[in-house]
Every structure is written in C-alpha cells, then in structure tokens.
C-alpha cells in the first residue's frame, strides 16, 4: 500500500481496520527519514478475525426478584 507520512516532531499513530484481511501473518515495513538518512524495520503482525465466543450461563440459579452477582469473563482467542 501507500506510505503514510507522520509530522516532524510529533507522535504518530495509524488506525488499521484488519477485518478485510485474511487471518494470518502480515509484514509491515516501517521507515523513518531524518534529514535524508533513511532507516527501516519490519514488523510482523498476526490477524485473527474470529468473532469472540459467548458461552451459556447456568440457567435457573437466579430467579425474578433475587439479588445476586453476575461475573462475566470475555475472551477473544
């Protein structure tokens, strides 16, 4: 793809929507230019667009009008 230029002296970030990519390894070349002197490094990113999984709760443990605590654990492999 095209290069995205940052501004001199500023922090730089880039938002990358990976949902259109295939799952797996992607190579990203990062390059800097300081007064005409270039340097670069490669980053290897793994994408996994598998949706998170919701598992069943134990039904019948809480009834209408009861007070209780609900603990939720979310995982995204």
PDB file of N, CA and C in Angstrom:
ATOM      1  N   UNK A   1       0.803  -1.180   0.000  1.00  0.00           N
ATOM      2  CA  UNK A   1       0.000   0.000   0.000  1.00  0.00           C
ATOM      3  C   UNK A   1       0.854   1.256   0.000  1.00  0.00           C
ATOM      4  N   UNK A   2       0.201   2.370   0.085  1.00  0.00           N
ATOM      5  CA  UNK A   2       0.876   3.664   0.061  1.00  0.00           C
ATOM      6  C   UNK A   2       1.511   3.973   1.416  1.00  0.00           C
ATOM      7  N   UNK A   3       2.560   4.789   1.387  1.00  0.00           N
ATOM      8  CA  UNK A   3       3.194   5.239   2.625  1.00  0.00           C
ATOM      9  C   UNK A   3       2.296   6.264   3.301  1.00  0.00           C
ATOM     10  N   UNK A   4       2.292   6.285   4.630  1.00  0.00           N
ATOM     11  CA  UNK A   4       1.560   7.281   5.398  1.00  0.00           C
ATOM     12  C   UNK A   4       2.595   8.111   6.142  1.00  0.00           C
ATOM     13  N   UNK A   5       2.658   9.397   5.875  1.00  0.00           N
ATOM     14  CA  UNK A   5       3.693  10.240   6.460  1.00  0.00           C
ATOM     15  C   UNK A   5       3.223  10.863   7.762  1.00  0.00           C
ATOM     16  N   UNK A   6       4.089  10.790   8.780  1.00  0.00           N
ATOM     17  CA  UNK A   6       3.831  11.456  10.045  1.00  0.00           C
ATOM     18  C   UNK A   6       4.327  12.892   9.983  1.00  0.00           C
ATOM     19  N   UNK A   7       4.083  13.653  11.034  1.00  0.00           N
ATOM     20  CA  UNK A   7       4.539  15.032  11.095  1.00  0.00           C
ATOM     21  C   UNK A   7       5.805  15.098  11.945  1.00  0.00           C
ATOM     22  N   UNK A   8       6.754  15.920  11.515  1.00  0.00           N
ATOM     23  CA  UNK A   8       8.033  16.042  12.206  1.00  0.00           C
ATOM     24  C   UNK A   8       7.839  16.467  13.656  1.00  0.00           C
ATOM     25  N   UNK A   9       8.521  15.765  14.565  1.00  0.00           N
ATOM     26  CA  UNK A   9       8.492  16.110  15.977  1.00  0.00           C
ATOM     27  C   UNK A   9       7.229  15.691  16.703  1.00  0.00           C
ATOM     28  N   UNK A  10       6.330  15.004  16.031  1.00  0.00           N
ATOM     29  CA  UNK A  10       5.063  14.622  16.655  1.00  0.00           C
ATOM     30  C   UNK A  10       4.995  13.107  16.815  1.00  0.00           C
ATOM     31  N   UNK A  11       4.255  12.665  17.825  1.00  0.00           N
ATOM     32  CA  UNK A  11       3.957  11.240  17.937  1.00  0.00           C
ATOM     33  C   UNK A  11       3.092  10.855  16.744  1.00  0.00           C
ATOM     34  N   UNK A  12       3.194   9.621  16.356  1.00  0.00           N
ATOM     35  CA  UNK A  12       2.468   9.171  15.175  1.00  0.00           C
ATOM     36  C   UNK A  12       1.724   7.896  15.504  1.00  0.00           C
ATOM     37  N   UNK A  13       0.518   7.776  15.013  1.00  0.00           N
ATOM     38  CA  UNK A  13      -0.246   6.538  15.160  1.00  0.00           C
ATOM     39  C   UNK A  13      -1.044   6.329  13.877  1.00  0.00           C
ATOM     40  N   UNK A  14      -1.466   5.098  13.697  1.00  0.00           N
ATOM     41  CA  UNK A  14      -2.216   4.761  12.493  1.00  0.00           C
ATOM     42  C   UNK A  14      -3.263   3.727  12.863  1.00  0.00           C
ATOM     43  N   UNK A  15      -4.513   4.018  12.554  1.00  0.00           N
ATOM     44  CA  UNK A  15      -5.588   3.067  12.822  1.00  0.00           C
ATOM     45  C   UNK A  15      -5.768   2.190  11.594  1.00  0.00           C
ATOM     46  N   UNK A  16      -5.698   0.881  11.806  1.00  0.00           N
ATOM     47  CA  UNK A  16      -5.733  -0.069  10.698  1.00  0.00           C
ATOM     48  C   UNK A  16      -6.858  -1.063  10.939  1.00  0.00           C
ATOM     49  N   UNK A  17      -7.883  -1.025  10.122  1.00  0.00           N
ATOM     50  CA  UNK A  17      -9.002  -1.951  10.226  1.00  0.00           C
ATOM     51  C   UNK A  17      -8.603  -3.252   9.520  1.00  0.00           C
ATOM     52  N   UNK A  18      -8.405  -4.304  10.282  1.00  0.00           N
ATOM     53  CA  UNK A  18      -7.916  -5.572   9.731  1.00  0.00           C
ATOM     54  C   UNK A  18      -9.028  -6.530   9.327  1.00  0.00           C
ATOM     55  N   UNK A  19     -10.292  -6.121   9.458  1.00  0.00           N
ATOM     56  CA  UNK A  19     -11.376  -7.066   9.175  1.00  0.00           C
ATOM     57  C   UNK A  19     -11.418  -7.493   7.715  1.00  0.00           C
ATOM     58  N   UNK A  20     -10.840  -6.716   6.817  1.00  0.00           N
ATOM     59  CA  UNK A  20     -10.823  -7.091   5.409  1.00  0.00           C
ATOM     60  C   UNK A  20      -9.636  -7.966   5.022  1.00  0.00           C
ATOM     61  N   UNK A  21      -8.765  -8.260   5.985  1.00  0.00           N
ATOM     62  CA  UNK A  21      -7.578  -9.075   5.718  1.00  0.00           C
ATOM     63  C   UNK A  21      -7.841 -10.536   6.023  1.00  0.00           C
ATOM     64  N   UNK A  22      -7.119 -11.398   5.357  1.00  0.00           N
ATOM     65  CA  UNK A  22      -7.148 -12.813   5.714  1.00  0.00           C
ATOM     66  C   UNK A  22      -6.461 -12.995   7.056  1.00  0.00           C
ATOM     67  N   UNK A  23      -6.903 -13.982   7.820  1.00  0.00           N
ATOM     68  CA  UNK A  23      -6.222 -14.309   9.066  1.00  0.00           C
ATOM     69  C   UNK A  23      -4.815 -14.789   8.751  1.00  0.00           C
ATOM     70  N   UNK A  24      -3.893 -14.485   9.640  1.00  0.00           N
ATOM     71  CA  UNK A  24      -2.521 -14.945   9.454  1.00  0.00           C
ATOM     72  C   UNK A  24      -1.528 -13.806   9.544  1.00  0.00           C
ATOM     73  N   UNK A  25      -0.314 -14.098   9.142  1.00  0.00           N
ATOM     74  CA  UNK A  25       0.799 -13.163   9.269  1.00  0.00           C
ATOM     75  C   UNK A  25       0.796 -12.132   8.134  1.00  0.00           C
ATOM     76  N   UNK A  26       1.072 -10.890   8.529  1.00  0.00           N
ATOM     77  CA  UNK A  26       1.204  -9.787   7.578  1.00  0.00           C
ATOM     78  C   UNK A  26       2.493  -9.042   7.905  1.00  0.00           C
ATOM     79  N   UNK A  27       3.244  -8.681   6.879  1.00  0.00           N
ATOM     80  CA  UNK A  27       4.509  -7.971   7.051  1.00  0.00           C
ATOM     81  C   UNK A  27       4.283  -6.480   6.833  1.00  0.00           C
ATOM     82  N   UNK A  28       4.794  -5.678   7.747  1.00  0.00           N
ATOM     83  CA  UNK A  28       4.649  -4.230   7.677  1.00  0.00           C
ATOM     84  C   UNK A  28       6.043  -3.626   7.707  1.00  0.00           C
ATOM     85  N   UNK A  29       6.387  -2.828   6.713  1.00  0.00           N
ATOM     86  CA  UNK A  29       7.690  -2.178   6.642  1.00  0.00           C
ATOM     87  C   UNK A  29       7.556  -0.768   7.202  1.00  0.00           C
ATOM     88  N   UNK A  30       8.321  -0.460   8.244  1.00  0.00           N
ATOM     89  CA  UNK A  30       8.291   0.850   8.881  1.00  0.00           C
ATOM     90  C   UNK A  30       9.585   1.568   8.517  1.00  0.00           C
ATOM     91  N   UNK A  31       9.465   2.776   7.985  1.00  0.00           N
ATOM     92  CA  UNK A  31      10.637   3.516   7.526  1.00  0.00           C
ATOM     93  C   UNK A  31      10.631   4.918   8.123  1.00  0.00           C
ATOM     94  N   UNK A  32      11.804   5.399   8.521  1.00  0.00           N
ATOM     95  CA  UNK A  32      11.951   6.761   9.023  1.00  0.00           C
ATOM     96  C   UNK A  32      12.961   7.501   8.157  1.00  0.00           C
ATOM     97  N   UNK A  33      12.784   8.806   8.089  1.00  0.00           N
ATOM     98  CA  UNK A  33      13.685   9.675   7.336  1.00  0.00           C
ATOM     99  C   UNK A  33      14.094  10.808   8.261  1.00  0.00           C
ATOM    100  N   UNK A  34      15.379  10.910   8.520  1.00  0.00           N
ATOM    101  CA  UNK A  34      15.887  12.005   9.332  1.00  0.00           C
ATOM    102  C   UNK A  34      16.905  12.767   8.494  1.00  0.00           C
ATOM    103  N   UNK A  35      16.507  13.905   7.968  1.00  0.00           N
ATOM    104  CA  UNK A  35      17.375  14.753   7.137  1.00  0.00           C
ATOM    105  C   UNK A  35      17.993  13.990   5.977  1.00  0.00           C
ATOM    106  N   UNK A  36      17.204  13.171   5.321  1.00  0.00           N
ATOM    107  CA  UNK A  36      17.688  12.432   4.164  1.00  0.00           C
ATOM    108  C   UNK A  36      18.320  11.096   4.486  1.00  0.00           C
ATOM    109  N   UNK A  37      18.518  10.798   5.755  1.00  0.00           N
ATOM    110  CA  UNK A  37      19.062   9.496   6.168  1.00  0.00           C
ATOM    111  C   UNK A  37      17.892   8.588   6.525  1.00  0.00           C
ATOM    112  N   UNK A  38      17.749   7.487   5.798  1.00  0.00           N
ATOM    113  CA  UNK A  38      16.629   6.578   5.993  1.00  0.00           C
ATOM    114  C   UNK A  38      17.046   5.378   6.832  1.00  0.00           C
ATOM    115  N   UNK A  39      16.111   4.868   7.590  1.00  0.00           N
ATOM    116  CA  UNK A  39      16.272   3.596   8.283  1.00  0.00           C
ATOM    117  C   UNK A  39      14.911   2.921   8.271  1.00  0.00           C
ATOM    118  N   UNK A  40      14.900   1.610   8.427  1.00  0.00           N
ATOM    119  CA  UNK A  40      13.616   0.912   8.420  1.00  0.00           C
ATOM    120  C   UNK A  40      13.722  -0.367   9.244  1.00  0.00           C
ATOM    121  N   UNK A  41      12.575  -0.885   9.576  1.00  0.00           N
ATOM    122  CA  UNK A  41      12.471  -2.180  10.240  1.00  0.00           C
ATOM    123  C   UNK A  41      11.197  -2.852   9.755  1.00  0.00           C
ATOM    124  N   UNK A  42      11.144  -4.146   9.887  1.00  0.00           N
ATOM    125  CA  UNK A  42       9.955  -4.910   9.522  1.00  0.00           C
ATOM    126  C   UNK A  42       9.204  -5.311  10.778  1.00  0.00           C
ATOM    127  N   UNK A  43       7.899  -5.187  10.745  1.00  0.00           N
ATOM    128  CA  UNK A  43       7.031  -5.673  11.818  1.00  0.00           C
ATOM    129  C   UNK A  43       6.206  -6.812  11.256  1.00  0.00           C
ATOM    130  N   UNK A  44       6.007  -7.832  12.052  1.00  0.00           N
ATOM    131  CA  UNK A  44       5.194  -8.973  11.642  1.00  0.00           C
ATOM    132  C   UNK A  44       3.965  -9.001  12.534  1.00  0.00           C
ATOM    133  N   UNK A  45       2.809  -8.858  11.933  1.00  0.00           N
ATOM    134  CA  UNK A  45       1.549  -8.803  12.666  1.00  0.00           C
ATOM    135  C   UNK A  45       0.696 -10.002  12.295  1.00  0.00           C
ATOM    136  N   UNK A  46       0.058 -10.591  13.295  1.00  0.00           N
ATOM    137  CA  UNK A  46      -0.868 -11.699  13.054  1.00  0.00           C
ATOM    138  C   UNK A  46      -2.289 -11.208  13.259  1.00  0.00           C
ATOM    139  N   UNK A  47      -3.138 -11.437  12.274  1.00  0.00           N
ATOM    140  CA  UNK A  47      -4.545 -11.075  12.413  1.00  0.00           C
ATOM    141  C   UNK A  47      -5.371 -12.332  12.651  1.00  0.00           C
ATOM    142  N   UNK A  48      -6.364 -12.184  13.498  1.00  0.00           N
ATOM    143  CA  UNK A  48      -7.319 -13.256  13.775  1.00  0.00           C
ATOM    144  C   UNK A  48      -8.681 -12.590  13.884  1.00  0.00           C
ATOM    145  N   UNK A  49      -9.465 -12.685  12.844  1.00  0.00           N
ATOM    146  CA  UNK A  49     -10.773 -12.036  12.805  1.00  0.00           C
ATOM    147  C   UNK A  49     -11.903 -12.950  13.259  1.00  0.00           C
ATOM    148  N   UNK A  50     -11.552 -14.019  13.977  1.00  0.00           N
ATOM    149  CA  UNK A  50     -12.571 -14.906  14.527  1.00  0.00           C
ATOM    150  C   UNK A  50     -13.383 -14.126  15.559  1.00  0.00           C
ATOM    151  N   UNK A  51     -14.715 -14.128  15.451  1.00  0.00           N
ATOM    152  CA  UNK A  51     -15.506 -13.382  16.429  1.00  0.00           C
ATOM    153  C   UNK A  51     -15.376 -13.985  17.825  1.00  0.00           C
ATOM    154  N   UNK A  52     -15.520 -13.157  18.862  1.00  0.00           N
ATOM    155  CA  UNK A  52     -15.481 -13.682  20.228  1.00  0.00           C
ATOM    156  C   UNK A  52     -16.620 -14.666  20.458  1.00  0.00           C
ATOM    157  N   UNK A  53     -16.449 -15.539  21.428  1.00  0.00           N
ATOM    158  CA  UNK A  53     -17.436 -16.576  21.716  1.00  0.00           C
ATOM    159  C   UNK A  53     -18.127 -16.286  23.040  1.00  0.00           C
ATOM    160  N   UNK A  54     -19.439 -16.426  23.045  1.00  0.00           N
ATOM    161  CA  UNK A  54     -20.227 -16.282  24.268  1.00  0.00           C
ATOM    162  C   UNK A  54     -20.732 -17.661  24.645  1.00  0.00           C
ATOM    163  N   UNK A  55     -20.461 -18.078  25.874  1.00  0.00           N
ATOM    164  CA  UNK A  55     -20.903 -19.396  26.324  1.00  0.00           C
ATOM    165  C   UNK A  55     -22.118 -19.251  27.226  1.00  0.00           C
ATOM    166  N   UNK A  56     -22.884 -20.323  27.355  1.00  0.00           N
ATOM    167  CA  UNK A  56     -24.104 -20.313  28.164  1.00  0.00           C
ATOM    168  C   UNK A  56     -23.803 -20.107  29.636  1.00  0.00           C
ATOM    169  N   UNK A  57     -24.739 -19.417  30.291  1.00  0.00           N
ATOM    170  CA  UNK A  57     -24.702 -19.296  31.744  1.00  0.00           C
ATOM    171  C   UNK A  57     -25.473 -20.476  32.317  1.00  0.00           C
ATOM    172  N   UNK A  58     -25.264 -20.759  33.594  1.00  0.00           N
ATOM    173  CA  UNK A  58     -26.052 -21.790  34.262  1.00  0.00           C
ATOM    174  C   UNK A  58     -27.451 -21.232  34.498  1.00  0.00           C
ATOM    175  N   UNK A  59     -28.435 -21.785  33.803  1.00  0.00           N
ATOM    176  CA  UNK A  59     -29.807 -21.295  33.909  1.00  0.00           C
ATOM    177  C   UNK A  59     -30.444 -21.756  35.221  1.00  0.00           C
ATOM    178  N   UNK A  60     -31.302 -20.913  35.768  1.00  0.00           N
ATOM    179  CA  UNK A  60     -32.064 -21.290  36.943  1.00  0.00           C
ATOM    180  C   UNK A  60     -31.410 -20.943  38.268  1.00  0.00           C
ATOM    181  N   UNK A  61     -30.221 -20.366  38.259  1.00  0.00           N
ATOM    182  CA  UNK A  61     -29.565 -20.031  39.515  1.00  0.00           C
ATOM    183  C   UNK A  61     -30.104 -18.746  40.120  1.00  0.00           C
ATOM    184  N   UNK A  62     -30.663 -17.875  39.299  1.00  0.00           N
ATOM    185  CA  UNK A  62     -31.227 -16.617  39.776  1.00  0.00           C
ATOM    186  C   UNK A  62     -32.662 -16.549  39.280  1.00  0.00           C
ATOM    187  N   UNK A  63     -33.571 -16.173  40.170  1.00  0.00           N
ATOM    188  CA  UNK A  63     -34.969 -16.036  39.776  1.00  0.00           C
ATOM    189  C   UNK A  63     -35.395 -14.580  39.925  1.00  0.00           C
ATOM    190  N   UNK A  64     -36.543 -14.250  39.376  1.00  0.00           N
ATOM    191  CA  UNK A  64     -37.048 -12.884  39.408  1.00  0.00           C
ATOM    192  C   UNK A  64     -37.118 -12.378  40.838  1.00  0.00           C
ATOM    193  N   UNK A  65     -36.590 -11.169  41.060  1.00  0.00           N
ATOM    194  CA  UNK A  65     -36.621 -10.554  42.379  1.00  0.00           C
ATOM    195  C   UNK A  65     -35.401 -10.860  43.225  1.00  0.00           C
ATOM    196  N   UNK A  66     -34.625 -11.862  42.869  1.00  0.00           N
ATOM    197  CA  UNK A  66     -33.408 -12.183  43.625  1.00  0.00           C
ATOM    198  C   UNK A  66     -32.324 -11.146  43.351  1.00  0.00           C
ATOM    199  N   UNK A  67     -31.512 -10.902  44.362  1.00  0.00           N
ATOM    200  CA  UNK A  67     -30.319 -10.077  44.195  1.00  0.00           C
ATOM    201  C   UNK A  67     -29.141 -11.024  44.089  1.00  0.00           C
ATOM    202  N   UNK A  68     -28.217 -10.699  43.232  1.00  0.00           N
ATOM    203  CA  UNK A  68     -27.059 -11.568  43.080  1.00  0.00           C
ATOM    204  C   UNK A  68     -25.950 -10.858  42.329  1.00  0.00           C
ATOM    205  N   UNK A  69     -24.850 -11.539  42.210  1.00  0.00           N
ATOM    206  CA  UNK A  69     -23.693 -11.027  41.483  1.00  0.00           C
ATOM    207  C   UNK A  69     -23.513 -11.837  40.215  1.00  0.00           C
ATOM    208  N   UNK A  70     -23.283 -11.158  39.138  1.00  0.00           N
ATOM    209  CA  UNK A  70     -23.011 -11.830  37.873  1.00  0.00           C
ATOM    210  C   UNK A  70     -21.561 -11.550  37.509  1.00  0.00           C
ATOM    211  N   UNK A  71     -20.791 -12.603  37.331  1.00  0.00           N
ATOM    212  CA  UNK A  71     -19.402 -12.474  36.901  1.00  0.00           C
ATOM    213  C   UNK A  71     -19.319 -12.824  35.425  1.00  0.00           C
ATOM    214  N   UNK A  72     -18.655 -11.989  34.670  1.00  0.00           N
ATOM    215  CA  UNK A  72     -18.522 -12.196  33.233  1.00  0.00           C
ATOM    216  C   UNK A  72     -17.045 -12.260  32.885  1.00  0.00           C
ATOM    217  N   UNK A  73     -16.690 -13.267  32.105  1.00  0.00           N
ATOM    218  CA  UNK A  73     -15.336 -13.374  31.582  1.00  0.00           C
ATOM    219  C   UNK A  73     -15.419 -13.339  30.069  1.00  0.00           C
ATOM    220  N   UNK A  74     -14.705 -12.421  29.457  1.00  0.00           N
ATOM    221  CA  UNK A  74     -14.697 -12.308  27.997  1.00  0.00           C
ATOM    222  C   UNK A  74     -13.337 -12.742  27.482  1.00  0.00           C
ATOM    223  N   UNK A  75     -13.350 -13.561  26.443  1.00  0.00           N
ATOM    224  CA  UNK A  75     -12.102 -13.960  25.813  1.00  0.00           C
ATOM    225  C   UNK A  75     -12.218 -13.763  24.314  1.00  0.00           C
ATOM    226  N   UNK A  76     -11.120 -13.465  23.716  1.00  0.00           N
ATOM    227  CA  UNK A  76     -11.057 -13.317  22.266  1.00  0.00           C
ATOM    228  C   UNK A  76      -9.766 -13.979  21.823  1.00  0.00           C
ATOM    229  N   UNK A  77      -9.868 -15.266  21.434  1.00  0.00           N
ATOM    230  CA  UNK A  77      -8.642 -16.026  21.180  1.00  0.00           C
ATOM    231  C   UNK A  77      -7.756 -15.422  20.173  1.00  0.00           C
TER     232      UNK A  77
END
